[in-house]
Amino acid sequence: MKAIVFKGVGDIRLEDVPEPEIENPTDAIVRLTASAICGTDLHLVRGTMPGMKPGTVLGHEGVGIVEALGEDVRNLEIGERVLIPSTIACGSCSYCRAGYYAQCDGANPNGPEAGTAFYGGPMETGAFGGLQAEKARIPFAHVNLIRIPDEVSDEQALLLSDIMPTGYFGAKLAEIKRGNTVAVFGCGPVGQCAILSAFLLGAGRVIAVDSATDRLGLARGQGAEVVDFNLEDPVAAIKRLTGGIGADRAIDAVECVAKAGTVAIIGVYPQTAEFFPIGMAMMKNLTVKAGNCNHKRYIPRLLEMIRTGAIHPESLVTTFKGMKDAVSAYHAFAKHEPGWVKVELEPQS
């Protein structure tokens, strides 16, 4: 089968790889009908997130059709359409049972202390085969596959694999209360979902910071007030726009938060990033929260909101490419070329 394969830093290729097989009774094989390129993939390709093994199939976002099931997968049937949460959970450990699926004790073969397991990642994440492929093996499929209602398209469901739950998770981490002013730093796909989620949770104002004109335009279209950090100091702009107080809540930032505010960090930072203005946070009585999204926890609610038409995040998918064009799509996405917000790959095209 065809897949996008990591060969080394800066080197990815479309190659033929062996088809996945059932290895454990809780596995499933899914034929991918849609996948996507994420900013996290760029970290892996650039080497800013180390530990990638050459030969790893990339990608952690996908939807598809169930082709095979292990004997202990009792809640799915062959032929059903499913979406794949990007983080992998066992469903049985104490963390999964408490809803902290990203900190599952059982999914990562490197052990409970290894951290989040996800598809197409470095060795420390389990080195699971990724979803930018024609087919994929899904471990603990009874937990890590979610049936897609007939009313929801692949395009809509694909956003629930990672970016929409992550944006919603960021808004929840920020403890947004009705009427709050929220600052969102970065208007890429996850940032756009964070803006949408902030308004869903009752934000009175959202101030969005970026430099890409098209991304700022999308943020403005959602009702956010936009700040181009190439044209003005974003901290000074946010303080001016808030009467000198700053934002009540911020996603991925510290300096512009009002005293006793809350900061949510959901951007992917490598473990080599060790510096944080902890003194400033302490002096301002800030609450700082960070982490990987517990996708399985939020997907069912968001899926129902899409099914009923309450939200329409599919407008974020701006570019569609077949697998033969995936490598060039990576380059365009990495350059933030105008109009390239979220890239959908079509493995079966």
Protein backbone atom coordinates (compact mmCIF):
# COMPACT_ATOMS: atom_id res chain seq x y z
CA MET A 1 0.00 0.00 0.00
CA LYS A 2 1.04 3.65 -0.39
CA ALA A 3 2.01 5.76 2.63
CA ILE A 4 3.93 8.92 3.54
CA VAL A 5 7.12 7.73 5.20
CA PHE A 6 9.66 9.57 7.38
CA LYS A 7 13.16 8.83 6.08
CA GLY A 8 15.17 11.41 8.05
CA VAL A 9 15.08 15.05 9.10
CA GLY A 10 13.73 17.03 6.17
CA ASP A 11 13.15 13.89 4.11
CA ILE A 12 9.69 12.36 3.60
CA ARG A 13 8.58 10.20 0.69
CA LEU A 14 5.58 8.45 -0.78
CA GLU A 15 6.48 4.76 -0.65
CA ASP A 16 5.04 1.28 -0.84
CA VAL A 17 4.87 -0.29 2.63
CA PRO A 18 3.42 -3.58 3.92
CA GLU A 19 -0.28 -3.60 4.72
CA PRO A 20 -1.06 -3.67 8.45
CA GLU A 21 -2.42 -6.83 10.05
CA ILE A 22 -4.37 -7.70 13.19
CA GLU A 23 -1.76 -8.25 15.93
CA ASN A 24 -3.91 -8.29 19.08
CA PRO A 25 -7.55 -9.24 19.81
CA THR A 26 -8.44 -5.57 20.39
CA ASP A 27 -7.03 -4.37 17.04
CA ALA A 28 -8.88 -3.19 13.95
CA ILE A 29 -7.75 -2.47 10.41
CA VAL A 30 -9.18 0.71 8.89
CA ARG A 31 -9.08 1.68 5.23
CA LEU A 32 -8.43 5.42 5.33
CA THR A 33 -10.74 7.59 3.24
CA ALA A 34 -9.30 10.88 4.50
CA SER A 35 -6.22 11.97 6.43
CA ALA A 36 -4.58 15.32 7.08
CA ILE A 37 -1.34 17.21 7.62
CA CYS A 38 -0.90 18.76 11.07
CA GLY A 39 1.59 21.24 12.50
CA THR A 40 2.84 18.45 14.77
CA ASP A 41 3.89 16.55 11.65
CA LEU A 42 6.11 19.50 10.76
CA HIS A 43 7.86 19.25 14.15
CA LEU A 44 8.65 15.63 13.40
CA VAL A 45 9.91 16.27 9.87
CA ARG A 46 12.02 19.25 10.95
CA GLY A 47 13.59 17.35 13.83
CA THR A 48 12.38 19.75 16.53
CA MET A 49 10.64 16.77 18.13
CA PRO A 50 13.41 14.14 18.22
CA GLY A 51 13.25 10.36 18.29
CA MET A 52 11.66 9.64 14.91
CA LYS A 53 12.60 6.25 13.50
CA PRO A 54 13.30 6.18 9.75
CA GLY A 55 10.57 4.21 8.04
CA THR A 56 7.75 5.45 10.30
CA VAL A 57 4.49 6.17 8.48
CA LEU A 58 3.43 9.72 9.34
CA GLY A 59 0.06 11.17 10.27
CA HIS A 60 -2.26 11.11 13.28
CA GLU A 61 -5.56 12.37 11.85
CA GLY A 62 -7.88 10.15 9.91
CA VAL A 63 -11.30 8.73 9.10
CA GLY A 64 -12.10 5.57 7.21
CA ILE A 65 -13.97 2.29 6.95
CA VAL A 66 -13.49 -0.73 9.18
CA GLU A 67 -12.02 -3.63 7.17
CA ALA A 68 -11.11 -6.14 9.90
CA LEU A 69 -11.73 -6.58 13.62
CA GLY A 70 -10.00 -8.50 16.37
CA GLU A 71 -12.18 -10.92 18.32
CA ASP A 72 -12.39 -8.65 21.37
CA VAL A 73 -13.76 -5.62 19.53
CA ARG A 74 -17.45 -5.98 20.34
CA ASN A 75 -18.91 -2.52 19.57
CA LEU A 76 -18.12 -2.15 15.85
CA GLU A 77 -18.88 -3.93 12.60
CA ILE A 78 -16.91 -4.35 9.40
CA GLY A 79 -17.96 -1.73 6.84
CA GLU A 80 -18.77 1.03 9.33
CA ARG A 81 -17.43 4.56 8.86
CA VAL A 82 -15.25 5.64 11.78
CA LEU A 83 -13.08 8.51 12.94
CA ILE A 84 -9.80 7.92 14.72
CA PRO A 85 -8.86 10.06 17.76
CA SER A 86 -5.21 10.98 17.32
CA THR A 87 -4.15 10.00 20.86
CA ILE A 88 -4.31 6.31 21.73
CA ALA A 89 -5.94 5.00 24.92
CA CYS A 90 -6.56 1.56 26.40
CA GLY A 91 -9.89 2.47 28.01
CA SER A 92 -9.25 0.34 31.08
CA CYS A 93 -6.63 2.07 33.25
CA SER A 94 -7.47 4.57 35.99
CA TYR A 95 -6.49 7.53 33.80
CA CYS A 96 -8.76 6.48 30.94
CA ARG A 97 -11.61 5.84 33.36
CA ALA A 98 -11.18 9.36 34.72
CA GLY A 99 -11.20 10.84 31.19
CA TYR A 100 -7.45 11.53 30.97
CA TYR A 101 -7.02 9.47 27.82
CA ALA A 102 -3.84 11.29 26.78
CA GLN A 103 -2.10 9.99 29.91
CA CYS A 104 -3.20 6.38 29.50
CA ASP A 105 -1.10 3.86 31.43
CA GLY A 106 -1.70 0.99 29.02
CA ALA A 107 -1.46 2.21 25.43
CA ASN A 108 2.19 3.23 25.20
CA PRO A 109 4.43 0.14 24.92
CA ASN A 110 7.25 2.13 26.54
CA GLY A 111 5.44 1.99 29.88
CA PRO A 112 3.18 4.17 32.07
CA GLU A 113 5.79 6.92 32.50
CA ALA A 114 6.37 7.31 28.76
CA GLY A 115 3.48 9.71 28.25
CA THR A 116 1.00 10.19 25.43
CA ALA A 117 0.81 7.58 22.68
CA PHE A 118 -0.18 8.72 19.21
CA TYR A 119 0.01 7.59 15.59
CA GLY A 120 2.99 8.41 13.39
CA GLY A 121 5.15 9.78 16.21
CA PRO A 122 8.64 9.26 17.67
CA MET A 123 9.77 6.16 19.55
CA GLU A 124 8.75 7.57 22.95
CA THR A 125 5.11 7.79 21.79
CA GLY A 126 5.04 4.10 20.94
CA ALA A 127 6.13 4.31 17.31
CA PHE A 128 2.64 3.39 16.05
CA GLY A 129 2.20 3.43 12.29
CA GLY A 130 0.60 6.66 11.12
CA LEU A 131 -2.60 7.50 9.25
CA GLN A 132 -1.22 9.13 6.10
CA ALA A 133 -1.62 5.77 4.43
CA GLU A 134 -4.16 3.66 2.62
CA LYS A 135 -4.72 1.50 5.69
CA ALA A 136 -3.79 1.54 9.39
CA ARG A 137 -3.83 -0.76 12.39
CA ILE A 138 -5.83 0.73 15.26
CA PRO A 139 -4.98 -0.67 18.73
CA PHE A 140 -7.69 -0.86 21.40
CA ALA A 141 -10.18 -0.26 18.62
CA HIS A 142 -13.18 -0.53 20.95
CA VAL A 143 -11.96 2.76 22.47
CA ASN A 144 -10.03 4.38 19.62
CA LEU A 145 -12.63 4.21 16.87
CA ILE A 146 -15.79 6.30 16.94
CA ARG A 147 -18.70 5.61 14.59
CA ILE A 148 -19.55 8.49 12.22
CA PRO A 149 -23.26 9.29 11.79
CA ASP A 150 -24.59 9.28 8.22
CA GLU A 151 -25.27 13.03 8.43
CA VAL A 152 -21.57 13.83 9.04
CA SER A 153 -19.18 13.94 6.10
CA ASP A 154 -15.59 12.67 6.09
CA GLU A 155 -14.44 16.27 5.84
CA GLN A 156 -16.32 17.23 8.99
CA ALA A 157 -15.32 14.12 10.93
CA LEU A 158 -11.65 14.53 10.02
CA LEU A 159 -11.49 17.74 12.05
CA LEU A 160 -12.61 15.79 15.12
CA SER A 161 -9.63 13.47 14.88
CA ASP A 162 -7.40 16.14 16.44
CA ILE A 163 -7.74 19.88 15.86
CA MET A 164 -11.33 20.57 16.92
CA PRO A 165 -11.10 18.63 20.21
CA THR A 166 -7.69 20.21 20.86
CA GLY A 167 -9.06 23.72 20.39
CA TYR A 168 -12.01 22.89 22.63
CA PHE A 169 -9.65 21.36 25.20
CA GLY A 170 -7.63 24.60 25.18
CA ALA A 171 -10.75 26.65 25.81
CA LYS A 172 -11.74 24.35 28.68
CA LEU A 173 -8.24 24.53 30.15
CA ALA A 174 -8.46 28.31 30.06
CA GLU A 175 -11.51 28.15 32.35
CA ILE A 176 -13.48 30.54 30.16
CA LYS A 177 -16.45 32.10 31.90
CA ARG A 178 -19.35 33.92 30.30
CA GLY A 179 -18.31 37.42 29.27
CA ASN A 180 -14.54 36.80 29.52
CA THR A 181 -12.10 38.44 27.14
CA VAL A 182 -9.93 35.69 25.63
CA ALA A 183 -6.65 36.10 23.76
CA VAL A 184 -5.73 33.35 21.29
CA PHE A 185 -2.14 33.30 20.03
CA GLY A 186 -1.80 31.63 16.64
CA CYS A 187 -4.62 31.42 14.10
CA GLY A 188 -3.71 28.16 12.43
CA PRO A 189 -6.20 25.29 12.41
CA VAL A 190 -6.05 24.64 16.16
CA GLY A 191 -6.19 28.36 16.91
CA GLN A 192 -9.30 28.72 14.75
CA CYS A 193 -10.91 25.87 16.67
CA ALA A 194 -9.92 27.52 19.94
CA ILE A 195 -11.62 30.74 18.81
CA LEU A 196 -14.80 28.84 17.94
CA SER A 197 -14.67 27.00 21.25
CA ALA A 198 -14.09 30.17 23.26
CA PHE A 199 -17.30 31.61 21.87
CA LEU A 200 -19.09 28.29 22.50
CA LEU A 201 -18.09 28.54 26.16
CA GLY A 202 -19.45 32.08 26.46
CA ALA A 203 -16.50 34.40 25.78
CA GLY A 204 -17.61 37.99 25.36
CA ARG A 205 -14.60 38.94 23.25
CA VAL A 206 -11.86 36.98 21.51
CA ILE A 207 -8.66 38.73 20.42
CA ALA A 208 -6.73 36.66 17.89
CA VAL A 209 -3.02 37.19 17.17
CA ASP A 210 -1.16 36.06 14.05
CA SER A 211 0.64 37.50 11.02
CA ALA A 212 -0.91 35.55 8.14
CA THR A 213 -3.54 37.68 6.41
CA ASP A 214 -5.75 34.73 5.40
CA ARG A 215 -5.72 33.24 8.89
CA LEU A 216 -6.52 36.58 10.47
CA GLY A 217 -9.37 36.88 7.96
CA LEU A 218 -10.78 33.53 9.10
CA ALA A 219 -10.53 34.63 12.72
CA ARG A 220 -12.31 37.89 11.93
CA GLY A 221 -15.00 35.90 10.12
CA GLN A 222 -15.65 34.04 13.38
CA GLY A 223 -16.14 37.31 15.22
CA ALA A 224 -12.66 37.69 16.71
CA GLU A 225 -10.83 41.00 16.94
CA VAL A 226 -7.53 40.51 15.14
CA VAL A 227 -3.98 41.69 15.81
CA ASP A 228 -1.17 41.34 13.24
CA PHE A 229 2.04 40.97 15.24
CA ASN A 230 4.09 42.11 12.23
CA LEU A 231 2.35 45.47 12.33
CA GLU A 232 2.14 46.12 16.07
CA ASP A 233 3.25 44.80 19.44
CA PRO A 234 0.51 42.29 20.32
CA VAL A 235 0.91 42.77 24.09
CA ALA A 236 0.55 46.54 23.79
CA ALA A 237 -2.38 46.12 21.38
CA ILE A 238 -4.25 43.75 23.69
CA LYS A 239 -3.75 46.03 26.67
CA ARG A 240 -4.97 49.01 24.66
CA LEU A 241 -8.03 47.09 23.43
CA THR A 242 -8.87 46.02 27.00
CA GLY A 243 -8.49 49.38 28.71
CA GLY A 244 -5.03 48.56 30.05
CA ILE A 245 -6.18 45.42 31.90
CA GLY A 246 -5.29 42.58 29.53
CA ALA A 247 -7.22 39.43 28.67
CA ASP A 248 -9.00 37.39 31.34
CA ARG A 249 -7.96 34.15 29.69
CA ALA A 250 -5.23 33.36 27.18
CA ILE A 251 -4.42 30.33 25.09
CA ASP A 252 -0.63 29.89 24.69
CA ALA A 253 0.55 33.16 26.27
CA VAL A 254 1.40 34.88 29.58
CA GLU A 255 2.33 38.53 29.20
CA CYS A 256 -1.08 39.86 28.15
CA VAL A 257 -3.14 38.13 30.81
CA ALA A 258 -4.76 40.19 33.54
CA LYS A 259 -3.87 39.55 37.17
CA ALA A 260 -5.41 36.29 38.44
CA GLY A 261 -6.01 35.24 34.85
CA THR A 262 -5.67 31.75 33.36
CA VAL A 263 -3.25 30.59 30.67
CA ALA A 264 -3.87 27.44 28.59
CA ILE A 265 -0.92 25.97 26.69
CA ILE A 266 -1.94 23.53 23.96
CA GLY A 267 0.74 24.22 21.36
CA VAL A 268 3.11 21.31 20.79
CA TYR A 269 6.44 22.08 22.43
CA PRO A 270 9.38 19.66 22.36
CA GLN A 271 10.75 18.46 25.68
CA THR A 272 13.87 20.52 24.98
CA ALA A 273 11.79 23.68 25.63
CA GLU A 274 12.64 24.21 29.29
CA PHE A 275 12.17 27.93 29.89
CA PHE A 276 8.99 29.61 31.13
CA PRO A 277 8.50 32.99 32.87
CA ILE A 278 7.45 31.38 36.13
CA GLY A 279 8.34 34.45 38.18
CA MET A 280 5.99 36.64 36.18
CA ALA A 281 3.25 34.04 36.47
CA MET A 282 3.69 33.85 40.24
CA MET A 283 3.70 37.62 40.77
CA LYS A 284 0.46 37.98 38.80
CA ASN A 285 -1.31 35.06 40.53
CA LEU A 286 -1.81 33.30 37.22
CA THR A 287 -3.19 29.83 36.77
CA VAL A 288 -1.22 27.93 34.12
CA LYS A 289 -2.53 24.73 32.55
CA ALA A 290 -1.02 22.67 29.75
CA GLY A 291 -1.22 19.28 28.15
CA ASN A 292 -2.15 16.98 25.32
CA CYS A 293 -5.82 16.81 24.48
CA ASN A 294 -7.90 13.92 25.84
CA HIS A 295 -9.58 13.58 22.46
CA LYS A 296 -11.92 10.71 23.30
CA ARG A 297 -13.37 12.79 26.14
CA TYR A 298 -14.59 15.62 23.89
CA ILE A 299 -15.26 14.02 20.50
CA PRO A 300 -18.76 12.62 21.20
CA ARG A 301 -20.17 16.02 22.20
CA LEU A 302 -18.50 17.83 19.31
CA LEU A 303 -19.61 15.14 16.86
CA GLU A 304 -23.21 15.62 17.94
CA MET A 305 -22.88 19.41 17.54
CA ILE A 306 -21.67 18.90 13.97
CA ARG A 307 -24.43 16.37 13.26
CA THR A 308 -27.12 18.80 14.37
CA GLY A 309 -25.58 21.75 12.53
CA ALA A 310 -24.68 23.69 15.68
CA ILE A 311 -21.11 24.18 14.47
CA HIS A 312 -19.51 24.10 11.00
CA PRO A 313 -15.74 23.75 11.38
CA GLU A 314 -15.34 22.13 7.94
CA SER A 315 -14.67 25.55 6.40
CA LEU A 316 -11.16 25.23 7.84
CA VAL A 317 -10.35 22.51 5.30
CA THR A 318 -8.98 24.65 2.48
CA THR A 319 -6.90 22.22 0.42
CA PHE A 320 -7.49 18.70 -0.88
CA LYS A 321 -4.67 16.56 -2.25
CA GLY A 322 -4.20 12.96 -3.30
CA MET A 323 -1.36 10.91 -1.85
CA LYS A 324 0.83 11.48 -4.92
CA ASP A 325 0.84 15.21 -4.11
CA ALA A 326 1.33 14.81 -0.35
CA VAL A 327 5.06 15.63 -0.24
CA SER A 328 4.61 18.89 -2.16
CA ALA A 329 1.61 19.64 0.07
CA TYR A 330 3.86 19.31 3.12
CA HIS A 331 6.21 21.94 1.69
CA ALA A 332 3.38 24.37 0.89
CA PHE A 333 1.78 23.88 4.32
CA ALA A 334 5.14 24.42 6.05
CA LYS A 335 5.58 27.74 4.23
CA HIS A 336 2.10 28.92 5.29
CA GLU A 337 1.31 29.65 1.67
CA PRO A 338 -1.82 31.84 1.33
CA GLY A 339 -5.00 29.81 1.50
CA TRP A 340 -3.36 26.72 3.01
CA VAL A 341 -5.00 26.40 6.42
CA LYS A 342 -5.94 22.72 6.77
CA VAL A 343 -4.82 20.15 4.22
CA GLU A 344 -6.88 17.00 3.66
CA LEU A 345 -5.16 14.03 2.05
CA GLU A 346 -7.20 11.49 0.13
CA PRO A 347 -5.47 8.10 0.43
CA GLN A 348 -7.87 6.31 -1.91
CA SER A 349 -7.83 8.85 -4.76
